[in-house]
N, C-alpha and C. Protein backbone atom coordinates (compact mmCIF):
# COMPACT_ATOMS: atom_id res chain seq x y z
N MET A 1 11.69 62.56 -17.79
CA MET A 1 10.67 62.47 -16.79
C MET A 1 9.39 61.85 -17.39
N ILE A 2 9.02 62.28 -18.55
CA ILE A 2 7.83 61.80 -19.26
C ILE A 2 7.97 60.33 -19.54
N LEU A 3 9.13 59.92 -19.96
CA LEU A 3 9.39 58.58 -20.32
C LEU A 3 9.33 57.64 -19.07
N THR A 4 9.82 58.10 -17.98
CA THR A 4 9.74 57.32 -16.76
C THR A 4 8.33 57.16 -16.32
N ALA A 5 7.51 58.28 -16.35
CA ALA A 5 6.09 58.24 -16.06
C ALA A 5 5.45 57.27 -16.97
N LEU A 6 5.66 57.27 -18.33
CA LEU A 6 5.00 56.41 -19.20
C LEU A 6 5.41 54.91 -18.90
N LEU A 7 6.62 54.64 -18.65
CA LEU A 7 7.03 53.26 -18.34
C LEU A 7 6.42 52.78 -17.04
N LEU A 8 6.45 53.56 -16.01
CA LEU A 8 5.83 53.15 -14.72
C LEU A 8 4.31 53.02 -14.81
N SER A 9 3.63 53.89 -15.51
CA SER A 9 2.19 53.82 -15.70
C SER A 9 1.83 52.52 -16.43
N PHE A 10 2.61 52.22 -17.47
CA PHE A 10 2.29 51.02 -18.29
C PHE A 10 2.47 49.79 -17.45
N THR A 11 3.58 49.62 -16.69
CA THR A 11 3.84 48.45 -15.89
C THR A 11 2.80 48.34 -14.78
N TRP A 12 2.30 49.49 -14.27
CA TRP A 12 1.35 49.45 -13.11
C TRP A 12 0.02 48.94 -13.62
N SER A 13 -0.40 49.45 -14.84
CA SER A 13 -1.69 48.99 -15.35
C SER A 13 -1.65 47.61 -15.90
N TRP A 14 -0.49 47.24 -16.51
CA TRP A 14 -0.33 45.89 -17.11
C TRP A 14 -0.26 44.82 -15.95
N GLY A 15 0.35 45.12 -14.85
CA GLY A 15 0.43 44.19 -13.74
C GLY A 15 -0.67 44.23 -12.80
N ASP A 16 -1.73 44.99 -13.06
CA ASP A 16 -2.87 45.04 -12.08
C ASP A 16 -3.64 43.67 -12.15
N PHE A 17 -3.88 43.17 -10.98
CA PHE A 17 -4.50 41.82 -10.93
C PHE A 17 -5.94 42.01 -10.25
N LEU A 18 -5.95 42.75 -9.09
CA LEU A 18 -7.18 42.75 -8.31
C LEU A 18 -8.34 43.48 -8.93
N ALA A 19 -8.16 44.60 -9.58
CA ALA A 19 -9.30 45.29 -10.24
C ALA A 19 -9.89 44.43 -11.36
N PRO A 20 -9.13 43.88 -12.34
CA PRO A 20 -9.79 43.06 -13.31
C PRO A 20 -10.41 41.81 -12.78
N LYS A 21 -9.83 41.24 -11.66
CA LYS A 21 -10.40 40.04 -11.06
C LYS A 21 -11.78 40.37 -10.51
N LEU A 22 -11.87 41.54 -9.91
CA LEU A 22 -13.13 41.95 -9.24
C LEU A 22 -14.23 42.55 -10.21
N LEU A 23 -13.78 43.32 -11.16
CA LEU A 23 -14.64 44.08 -11.97
C LEU A 23 -14.99 43.44 -13.31
N LEU A 24 -14.20 42.60 -13.88
CA LEU A 24 -14.50 42.05 -15.17
C LEU A 24 -15.06 40.68 -15.14
N ASN A 25 -15.94 40.29 -16.12
CA ASN A 25 -16.45 38.97 -16.04
C ASN A 25 -15.40 37.98 -16.75
N VAL A 26 -15.68 36.72 -16.68
CA VAL A 26 -14.71 35.70 -17.10
C VAL A 26 -14.40 35.81 -18.57
N ASP A 27 -15.35 36.24 -19.46
CA ASP A 27 -15.06 36.31 -20.88
C ASP A 27 -14.13 37.54 -21.18
N ASN A 28 -14.17 38.58 -20.52
CA ASN A 28 -13.37 39.81 -20.81
C ASN A 28 -12.34 40.13 -19.78
N THR A 29 -11.64 39.18 -19.36
CA THR A 29 -10.63 39.34 -18.34
C THR A 29 -9.25 39.51 -18.96
N THR A 30 -8.28 39.86 -18.09
CA THR A 30 -6.89 40.13 -18.56
C THR A 30 -6.12 38.70 -18.52
N LEU A 31 -4.92 38.77 -19.10
CA LEU A 31 -4.10 37.49 -19.16
C LEU A 31 -3.74 37.00 -17.75
N ALA A 32 -3.40 37.91 -16.90
CA ALA A 32 -3.02 37.51 -15.51
C ALA A 32 -4.15 36.78 -14.75
N VAL A 33 -5.31 37.33 -14.88
CA VAL A 33 -6.48 36.67 -14.25
C VAL A 33 -6.90 35.34 -14.86
N ALA A 34 -6.70 35.29 -16.23
CA ALA A 34 -7.08 34.08 -16.91
C ALA A 34 -6.00 33.01 -16.53
N MET A 35 -4.78 33.33 -16.39
CA MET A 35 -3.75 32.31 -16.03
C MET A 35 -3.98 31.88 -14.68
N SER A 36 -4.41 32.65 -13.72
CA SER A 36 -4.59 32.16 -12.34
C SER A 36 -5.86 31.41 -12.19
N SER A 37 -6.91 31.60 -12.99
CA SER A 37 -8.11 30.95 -12.72
C SER A 37 -8.51 29.85 -13.73
N GLY A 38 -7.79 29.78 -14.87
CA GLY A 38 -8.10 28.73 -15.83
C GLY A 38 -7.02 27.76 -15.99
N TYR A 39 -7.01 27.12 -17.21
CA TYR A 39 -5.98 26.21 -17.66
C TYR A 39 -5.84 25.00 -16.73
N LEU A 40 -6.89 24.25 -16.60
CA LEU A 40 -6.93 23.00 -15.84
C LEU A 40 -7.15 21.87 -16.75
N ASP A 41 -6.53 20.75 -16.46
CA ASP A 41 -6.77 19.53 -17.28
C ASP A 41 -8.07 18.94 -16.84
N PRO A 42 -8.54 17.93 -17.54
CA PRO A 42 -9.83 17.28 -17.23
C PRO A 42 -9.94 16.75 -15.75
N MET A 43 -8.71 16.43 -15.19
CA MET A 43 -8.73 15.88 -13.73
C MET A 43 -8.78 17.08 -12.77
N GLY A 44 -8.69 18.33 -13.21
CA GLY A 44 -8.75 19.48 -12.25
C GLY A 44 -7.34 19.92 -11.85
N ASN A 45 -6.32 19.27 -12.41
CA ASN A 45 -4.95 19.80 -11.99
C ASN A 45 -4.48 20.88 -12.93
N PRO A 46 -3.68 21.88 -12.42
CA PRO A 46 -3.28 22.96 -13.19
C PRO A 46 -2.27 22.53 -14.29
N MET A 47 -2.35 23.09 -15.46
CA MET A 47 -1.44 22.74 -16.52
C MET A 47 -0.25 23.73 -16.46
N ILE A 48 0.84 23.26 -15.87
CA ILE A 48 2.01 24.05 -15.53
C ILE A 48 2.69 24.61 -16.78
N ASN A 49 2.77 23.73 -17.84
CA ASN A 49 3.48 24.12 -19.06
C ASN A 49 2.76 25.36 -19.76
N ILE A 50 1.45 25.34 -19.75
CA ILE A 50 0.70 26.42 -20.40
C ILE A 50 0.81 27.68 -19.54
N GLN A 51 0.82 27.50 -18.19
CA GLN A 51 0.95 28.65 -17.27
C GLN A 51 2.37 29.27 -17.40
N ALA A 52 3.42 28.47 -17.67
CA ALA A 52 4.72 29.03 -17.82
C ALA A 52 4.87 29.81 -19.13
N VAL A 53 4.27 29.29 -20.23
CA VAL A 53 4.21 29.98 -21.50
C VAL A 53 3.42 31.28 -21.28
N GLY A 54 2.33 31.21 -20.64
CA GLY A 54 1.52 32.46 -20.36
C GLY A 54 2.26 33.52 -19.64
N ALA A 55 3.04 33.05 -18.60
CA ALA A 55 3.84 34.01 -17.84
C ALA A 55 4.95 34.63 -18.65
N LEU A 56 5.56 33.90 -19.60
CA LEU A 56 6.52 34.39 -20.50
C LEU A 56 5.95 35.46 -21.48
N LEU A 57 4.73 35.12 -21.98
CA LEU A 57 4.02 36.07 -22.79
C LEU A 57 3.60 37.36 -21.97
N TYR A 58 3.27 37.21 -20.83
CA TYR A 58 2.88 38.26 -19.89
C TYR A 58 4.02 39.20 -19.67
N LEU A 59 5.26 38.67 -19.51
CA LEU A 59 6.37 39.58 -19.24
C LEU A 59 7.02 40.15 -20.43
N LEU A 60 6.79 39.62 -21.65
CA LEU A 60 7.43 39.99 -22.83
C LEU A 60 7.18 41.48 -23.25
N PRO A 61 5.98 42.00 -23.19
CA PRO A 61 5.84 43.44 -23.53
C PRO A 61 6.59 44.34 -22.62
N VAL A 62 6.58 44.08 -21.35
CA VAL A 62 7.34 44.93 -20.45
C VAL A 62 8.86 44.85 -20.66
N VAL A 63 9.43 43.73 -20.93
CA VAL A 63 10.84 43.57 -21.24
C VAL A 63 11.22 44.24 -22.59
N VAL A 64 10.31 44.18 -23.51
CA VAL A 64 10.58 44.82 -24.85
C VAL A 64 10.58 46.28 -24.71
N ILE A 65 9.60 46.84 -24.00
CA ILE A 65 9.50 48.35 -23.78
C ILE A 65 10.62 48.82 -23.03
N PHE A 66 11.04 48.13 -21.99
CA PHE A 66 12.23 48.54 -21.24
C PHE A 66 13.56 48.44 -21.94
N SER A 67 13.66 47.37 -22.79
CA SER A 67 14.90 47.26 -23.58
C SER A 67 15.10 48.31 -24.52
N PHE A 68 14.00 48.80 -25.23
CA PHE A 68 14.04 49.89 -26.13
C PHE A 68 14.30 51.26 -25.48
N THR A 69 13.75 51.40 -24.24
CA THR A 69 13.82 52.78 -23.54
C THR A 69 14.85 52.80 -22.46
N GLN A 70 15.59 51.74 -22.21
CA GLN A 70 16.54 51.70 -21.09
C GLN A 70 17.64 52.69 -21.18
N ARG A 71 18.12 53.07 -22.35
CA ARG A 71 19.19 54.09 -22.41
C ARG A 71 18.63 55.40 -21.97
N TYR A 72 17.44 55.79 -22.32
CA TYR A 72 16.89 57.02 -21.94
C TYR A 72 16.47 57.04 -20.46
N PHE A 73 15.93 55.87 -20.05
CA PHE A 73 15.55 55.70 -18.61
C PHE A 73 16.67 55.81 -17.67
N MET A 74 17.69 55.14 -17.97
CA MET A 74 18.92 55.15 -17.09
C MET A 74 19.62 56.48 -17.22
N GLY A 75 19.73 57.00 -18.41
CA GLY A 75 20.40 58.28 -18.55
C GLY A 75 19.74 59.50 -17.84
N SER A 76 18.40 59.44 -17.83
CA SER A 76 17.69 60.55 -17.06
C SER A 76 17.79 60.37 -15.57
N SER A 77 17.81 59.15 -15.14
CA SER A 77 17.87 58.94 -13.68
C SER A 77 19.30 59.15 -13.20
N LEU A 78 20.32 58.81 -13.95
CA LEU A 78 21.61 59.06 -13.53
C LEU A 78 22.07 60.45 -13.71
N GLY A 79 21.56 61.10 -14.74
CA GLY A 79 21.83 62.51 -15.04
C GLY A 79 21.24 63.44 -14.03
N SER A 80 20.12 63.06 -13.39
CA SER A 80 19.56 63.90 -12.36
C SER A 80 20.27 63.77 -11.02
N ALA A 81 21.09 62.82 -10.80
CA ALA A 81 21.87 62.68 -9.62
C ALA A 81 23.19 63.44 -9.51
N VAL A 82 23.63 63.86 -10.73
CA VAL A 82 24.87 64.54 -10.84
C VAL A 82 24.71 65.97 -10.35
N LYS A 83 25.66 66.37 -9.49
CA LYS A 83 25.61 67.71 -8.97
C LYS A 83 26.56 68.68 -9.64
N GLY A 84 26.15 69.83 -10.00
CA GLY A 84 27.09 70.79 -10.62
C GLY A 84 26.60 71.14 -11.87
């Protein structure tokens, strides 16, 4: 139960977009806000390749944490559904 709460609270705070967008200035922002508001070429067009790499780096910690804890996460959720 504690591991599930830890995993869900990490992904919730990691994926938060609105609060950092509203409360933080441009220099101290999160990766999600920086990816959505920056990375423009001199013509003003978005740089898709840099945004794709940023999205990959943004998802990497969540995937790594889940891959290390998925045995315990799935075991606890499946074990709680067994009756008897």
